[in-house]
Amino acid sequence: MLGALAHCNVPVKNQEKFETLMSDFIRYARRQNGCIYYDFGKVAGKETEYVIIQKWATQADFDAYLEDPTFGSRAMKLITLSENFLGMDIFDIIY
């Protein structure tokens, strides 16, 4: 299994719209082949930082999701609301 953890900063003025679009994005992502878990949340004690947590059955499933044109168009809407994405860590789940 594969995991991914992304961090992003979203200005307070954009947070309501970001959260609405992110909720819709998650419904889309959860329907993708191999998606086991997908969620997001606001980091405690940090006014503008969010995390996005993902779990995928295989690397191939994750790659197909990233290559889907729908992913790209939806992700761009989220990126425009954020100050920056602080990166994504990809990791093998060991259990």
N, C-alpha and C. Protein backbone atom coordinates (compact mmCIF):
# COMPACT_ATOMS: atom_id res chain seq x y z
N MET A 1 0.84 -1.19 0.00
CA MET A 1 0.00 0.00 0.00
C MET A 1 0.87 1.24 0.00
N LEU A 2 0.29 2.30 -0.50
CA LEU A 2 1.00 3.56 -0.64
C LEU A 2 0.24 4.64 0.12
N GLY A 3 0.97 5.52 0.78
CA GLY A 3 0.37 6.66 1.45
C GLY A 3 0.92 7.95 0.89
N ALA A 4 0.15 9.00 1.03
CA ALA A 4 0.61 10.34 0.62
C ALA A 4 0.08 11.35 1.63
N LEU A 5 0.94 12.29 1.96
CA LEU A 5 0.59 13.35 2.90
C LEU A 5 1.03 14.67 2.28
N ALA A 6 0.06 15.57 2.05
CA ALA A 6 0.36 16.88 1.47
C ALA A 6 0.03 17.96 2.49
N HIS A 7 0.77 19.04 2.42
CA HIS A 7 0.54 20.21 3.27
C HIS A 7 0.30 21.41 2.37
N CYS A 8 -0.61 22.29 2.78
CA CYS A 8 -0.80 23.53 2.05
C CYS A 8 -1.22 24.64 3.00
N ASN A 9 -0.91 25.87 2.60
CA ASN A 9 -1.33 27.05 3.34
C ASN A 9 -2.44 27.74 2.57
N VAL A 10 -3.51 28.05 3.26
CA VAL A 10 -4.66 28.70 2.65
C VAL A 10 -4.98 29.96 3.46
N PRO A 11 -4.91 31.13 2.81
CA PRO A 11 -5.25 32.36 3.53
C PRO A 11 -6.67 32.27 4.12
N VAL A 12 -6.86 32.90 5.27
CA VAL A 12 -8.15 32.86 5.96
C VAL A 12 -9.29 33.26 5.02
N LYS A 13 -9.08 34.28 4.20
CA LYS A 13 -10.13 34.76 3.30
C LYS A 13 -10.56 33.72 2.27
N ASN A 14 -9.73 32.69 2.00
CA ASN A 14 -10.04 31.66 1.01
C ASN A 14 -10.48 30.33 1.62
N GLN A 15 -10.46 30.23 2.95
CA GLN A 15 -10.66 28.93 3.58
C GLN A 15 -12.05 28.35 3.37
N GLU A 16 -13.09 29.16 3.42
CA GLU A 16 -14.44 28.61 3.25
C GLU A 16 -14.58 27.99 1.86
N LYS A 17 -14.14 28.70 0.83
CA LYS A 17 -14.23 28.18 -0.53
C LYS A 17 -13.31 26.97 -0.71
N PHE A 18 -12.10 27.03 -0.14
CA PHE A 18 -11.17 25.90 -0.21
C PHE A 18 -11.80 24.65 0.40
N GLU A 19 -12.38 24.78 1.58
CA GLU A 19 -12.98 23.63 2.26
C GLU A 19 -14.15 23.06 1.47
N THR A 20 -14.94 23.92 0.84
CA THR A 20 -16.06 23.45 0.02
C THR A 20 -15.53 22.68 -1.20
N LEU A 21 -14.57 23.27 -1.90
CA LEU A 21 -14.00 22.61 -3.08
C LEU A 21 -13.25 21.34 -2.70
N MET A 22 -12.55 21.35 -1.57
CA MET A 22 -11.81 20.18 -1.12
C MET A 22 -12.76 19.04 -0.78
N SER A 23 -13.89 19.35 -0.17
CA SER A 23 -14.88 18.32 0.15
C SER A 23 -15.40 17.66 -1.13
N ASP A 24 -15.65 18.47 -2.15
CA ASP A 24 -16.08 17.93 -3.45
C ASP A 24 -14.95 17.11 -4.09
N PHE A 25 -13.73 17.62 -4.01
CA PHE A 25 -12.57 16.92 -4.55
C PHE A 25 -12.41 15.55 -3.90
N ILE A 26 -12.61 15.48 -2.60
CA ILE A 26 -12.47 14.22 -1.89
C ILE A 26 -13.52 13.21 -2.34
N ARG A 27 -14.74 13.66 -2.56
CA ARG A 27 -15.77 12.74 -3.07
C ARG A 27 -15.33 12.15 -4.41
N TYR A 28 -14.75 12.99 -5.27
CA TYR A 28 -14.22 12.52 -6.56
C TYR A 28 -13.09 11.51 -6.34
N ALA A 29 -12.12 11.86 -5.50
CA ALA A 29 -10.94 11.02 -5.28
C ALA A 29 -11.31 9.66 -4.70
N ARG A 30 -12.26 9.64 -3.80
CA ARG A 30 -12.64 8.37 -3.16
C ARG A 30 -13.27 7.39 -4.14
N ARG A 31 -13.74 7.87 -5.28
CA ARG A 31 -14.33 6.99 -6.30
C ARG A 31 -13.29 6.42 -7.26
N GLN A 32 -12.04 6.83 -7.13
CA GLN A 32 -11.00 6.36 -8.04
C GLN A 32 -10.55 4.96 -7.67
N ASN A 33 -10.19 4.18 -8.71
CA ASN A 33 -9.71 2.82 -8.48
C ASN A 33 -8.52 2.83 -7.53
N GLY A 34 -8.58 1.98 -6.53
CA GLY A 34 -7.47 1.81 -5.61
C GLY A 34 -7.44 2.79 -4.45
N CYS A 35 -8.35 3.75 -4.41
CA CYS A 35 -8.37 4.69 -3.29
C CYS A 35 -8.97 4.00 -2.07
N ILE A 36 -8.18 3.92 -1.03
CA ILE A 36 -8.62 3.28 0.22
C ILE A 36 -9.09 4.33 1.22
N TYR A 37 -8.38 5.45 1.24
CA TYR A 37 -8.70 6.50 2.21
C TYR A 37 -8.27 7.83 1.63
N TYR A 38 -9.08 8.86 1.85
CA TYR A 38 -8.73 10.21 1.38
C TYR A 38 -9.47 11.19 2.26
N ASP A 39 -8.74 12.07 2.91
CA ASP A 39 -9.38 13.06 3.78
C ASP A 39 -8.47 14.27 3.93
N PHE A 40 -8.99 15.32 4.53
CA PHE A 40 -8.18 16.50 4.80
C PHE A 40 -8.60 17.11 6.12
N GLY A 41 -7.74 17.94 6.66
CA GLY A 41 -8.05 18.62 7.91
C GLY A 41 -7.16 19.81 8.11
N LYS A 42 -7.54 20.64 9.04
CA LYS A 42 -6.78 21.83 9.39
C LYS A 42 -5.83 21.46 10.53
N VAL A 43 -4.59 21.87 10.43
CA VAL A 43 -3.59 21.55 11.44
C VAL A 43 -3.89 22.34 12.72
N ALA A 44 -3.96 21.64 13.84
CA ALA A 44 -4.24 22.27 15.13
C ALA A 44 -3.18 23.31 15.45
N GLY A 45 -3.65 24.49 15.86
CA GLY A 45 -2.74 25.55 16.27
C GLY A 45 -2.12 26.34 15.14
N LYS A 46 -2.49 26.03 13.90
CA LYS A 46 -1.95 26.75 12.74
C LYS A 46 -3.12 27.28 11.92
N GLU A 47 -3.27 28.58 11.90
CA GLU A 47 -4.45 29.23 11.33
C GLU A 47 -4.66 28.95 9.84
N THR A 48 -3.59 28.73 9.10
CA THR A 48 -3.75 28.62 7.65
C THR A 48 -3.26 27.29 7.06
N GLU A 49 -2.81 26.36 7.88
CA GLU A 49 -2.23 25.12 7.34
C GLU A 49 -3.22 23.96 7.35
N TYR A 50 -3.26 23.28 6.21
CA TYR A 50 -4.11 22.09 6.03
C TYR A 50 -3.23 20.90 5.65
N VAL A 51 -3.72 19.70 5.95
CA VAL A 51 -3.09 18.47 5.47
C VAL A 51 -4.11 17.67 4.67
N ILE A 52 -3.60 16.95 3.70
CA ILE A 52 -4.42 16.06 2.88
C ILE A 52 -3.78 14.67 3.01
N ILE A 53 -4.58 13.70 3.43
CA ILE A 53 -4.09 12.37 3.75
C ILE A 53 -4.71 11.37 2.78
N GLN A 54 -3.86 10.54 2.16
CA GLN A 54 -4.34 9.59 1.17
C GLN A 54 -3.75 8.21 1.42
N LYS A 55 -4.50 7.19 1.04
CA LYS A 55 -4.02 5.81 1.10
C LYS A 55 -4.50 5.10 -0.17
N TRP A 56 -3.56 4.50 -0.89
CA TRP A 56 -3.85 3.86 -2.17
C TRP A 56 -3.41 2.41 -2.15
N ALA A 57 -4.13 1.56 -2.88
CA ALA A 57 -3.81 0.13 -2.92
C ALA A 57 -2.46 -0.12 -3.57
N THR A 58 -2.16 0.59 -4.68
CA THR A 58 -0.91 0.37 -5.39
C THR A 58 -0.36 1.69 -5.94
N GLN A 59 0.91 1.67 -6.28
CA GLN A 59 1.53 2.82 -6.94
C GLN A 59 0.84 3.09 -8.28
N ALA A 60 0.48 2.04 -9.00
CA ALA A 60 -0.19 2.20 -10.29
C ALA A 60 -1.54 2.92 -10.14
N ASP A 61 -2.28 2.60 -9.08
CA ASP A 61 -3.56 3.29 -8.84
C ASP A 61 -3.32 4.77 -8.57
N PHE A 62 -2.32 5.07 -7.77
CA PHE A 62 -2.00 6.45 -7.44
C PHE A 62 -1.55 7.21 -8.69
N ASP A 63 -0.71 6.58 -9.50
CA ASP A 63 -0.24 7.22 -10.73
C ASP A 63 -1.39 7.50 -11.69
N ALA A 64 -2.31 6.54 -11.82
CA ALA A 64 -3.46 6.74 -12.71
C ALA A 64 -4.32 7.90 -12.23
N TYR A 65 -4.49 8.02 -10.95
CA TYR A 65 -5.25 9.12 -10.36
C TYR A 65 -4.58 10.46 -10.69
N LEU A 66 -3.25 10.54 -10.53
CA LEU A 66 -2.53 11.78 -10.80
C LEU A 66 -2.56 12.15 -12.29
N GLU A 67 -2.63 11.16 -13.15
CA GLU A 67 -2.63 11.38 -14.60
C GLU A 67 -4.02 11.69 -15.16
N ASP A 68 -5.05 11.50 -14.38
CA ASP A 68 -6.42 11.77 -14.82
C ASP A 68 -6.59 13.27 -15.05
N PRO A 69 -7.05 13.68 -16.25
CA PRO A 69 -7.23 15.12 -16.52
C PRO A 69 -8.19 15.79 -15.53
N THR A 70 -9.15 15.04 -15.02
CA THR A 70 -10.08 15.60 -14.04
C THR A 70 -9.33 15.99 -12.77
N PHE A 71 -8.36 15.17 -12.38
CA PHE A 71 -7.53 15.51 -11.22
C PHE A 71 -6.87 16.86 -11.43
N GLY A 72 -6.24 17.03 -12.58
CA GLY A 72 -5.51 18.26 -12.86
C GLY A 72 -6.38 19.50 -12.80
N SER A 73 -7.55 19.44 -13.41
CA SER A 73 -8.42 20.62 -13.42
C SER A 73 -8.97 20.93 -12.03
N ARG A 74 -9.31 19.91 -11.29
CA ARG A 74 -9.81 20.13 -9.92
C ARG A 74 -8.71 20.61 -8.99
N ALA A 75 -7.52 20.03 -9.12
CA ALA A 75 -6.41 20.41 -8.26
C ALA A 75 -6.02 21.87 -8.50
N MET A 76 -6.06 22.32 -9.74
CA MET A 76 -5.69 23.71 -10.04
C MET A 76 -6.60 24.71 -9.33
N LYS A 77 -7.88 24.38 -9.21
CA LYS A 77 -8.81 25.26 -8.50
C LYS A 77 -8.40 25.39 -7.03
N LEU A 78 -7.96 24.30 -6.44
CA LEU A 78 -7.51 24.33 -5.05
C LEU A 78 -6.20 25.10 -4.91
N ILE A 79 -5.31 24.89 -5.84
CA ILE A 79 -4.01 25.56 -5.78
C ILE A 79 -4.17 27.07 -5.87
N THR A 80 -5.11 27.55 -6.69
CA THR A 80 -5.29 28.99 -6.82
C THR A 80 -5.81 29.63 -5.53
N LEU A 81 -6.43 28.84 -4.67
CA LEU A 81 -6.93 29.37 -3.40
C LEU A 81 -5.87 29.33 -2.30
N SER A 82 -4.79 28.62 -2.54
CA SER A 82 -3.76 28.48 -1.51
C SER A 82 -2.59 29.41 -1.81
N GLU A 83 -1.83 29.71 -0.77
CA GLU A 83 -0.60 30.49 -0.96
C GLU A 83 0.47 29.60 -1.57
N ASN A 84 0.52 28.38 -1.12
CA ASN A 84 1.45 27.42 -1.70
C ASN A 84 1.16 26.03 -1.14
N PHE A 85 1.54 25.05 -1.92
CA PHE A 85 1.53 23.69 -1.41
C PHE A 85 2.93 23.44 -0.91
N LEU A 86 3.03 22.99 0.31
CA LEU A 86 4.32 22.84 0.96
C LEU A 86 4.98 21.51 0.62
N GLY A 87 4.37 20.78 -0.27
CA GLY A 87 4.96 19.53 -0.72
C GLY A 87 4.10 18.33 -0.37
N MET A 88 4.46 17.22 -0.97
CA MET A 88 3.76 15.97 -0.72
C MET A 88 4.80 14.90 -0.43
N ASP A 89 4.58 14.17 0.64
CA ASP A 89 5.42 13.04 0.98
C ASP A 89 4.69 11.77 0.58
N ILE A 90 5.37 10.91 -0.17
CA ILE A 90 4.83 9.62 -0.58
C ILE A 90 5.58 8.56 0.23
N PHE A 91 4.86 7.57 0.74
CA PHE A 91 5.52 6.58 1.58
C PHE A 91 4.84 5.23 1.43
N ASP A 92 5.62 4.18 1.64
CA ASP A 92 5.08 2.82 1.67
C ASP A 92 4.49 2.59 3.05
N ILE A 93 3.31 2.02 3.08
CA ILE A 93 2.66 1.72 4.36
C ILE A 93 3.13 0.34 4.79
N ILE A 94 3.67 0.27 5.98
CA ILE A 94 4.25 -0.97 6.49
C ILE A 94 3.41 -1.46 7.65
N TYR A 95 2.54 -2.38 7.37
CA TYR A 95 1.80 -3.05 8.45
C TYR A 95 1.11 -4.26 7.95
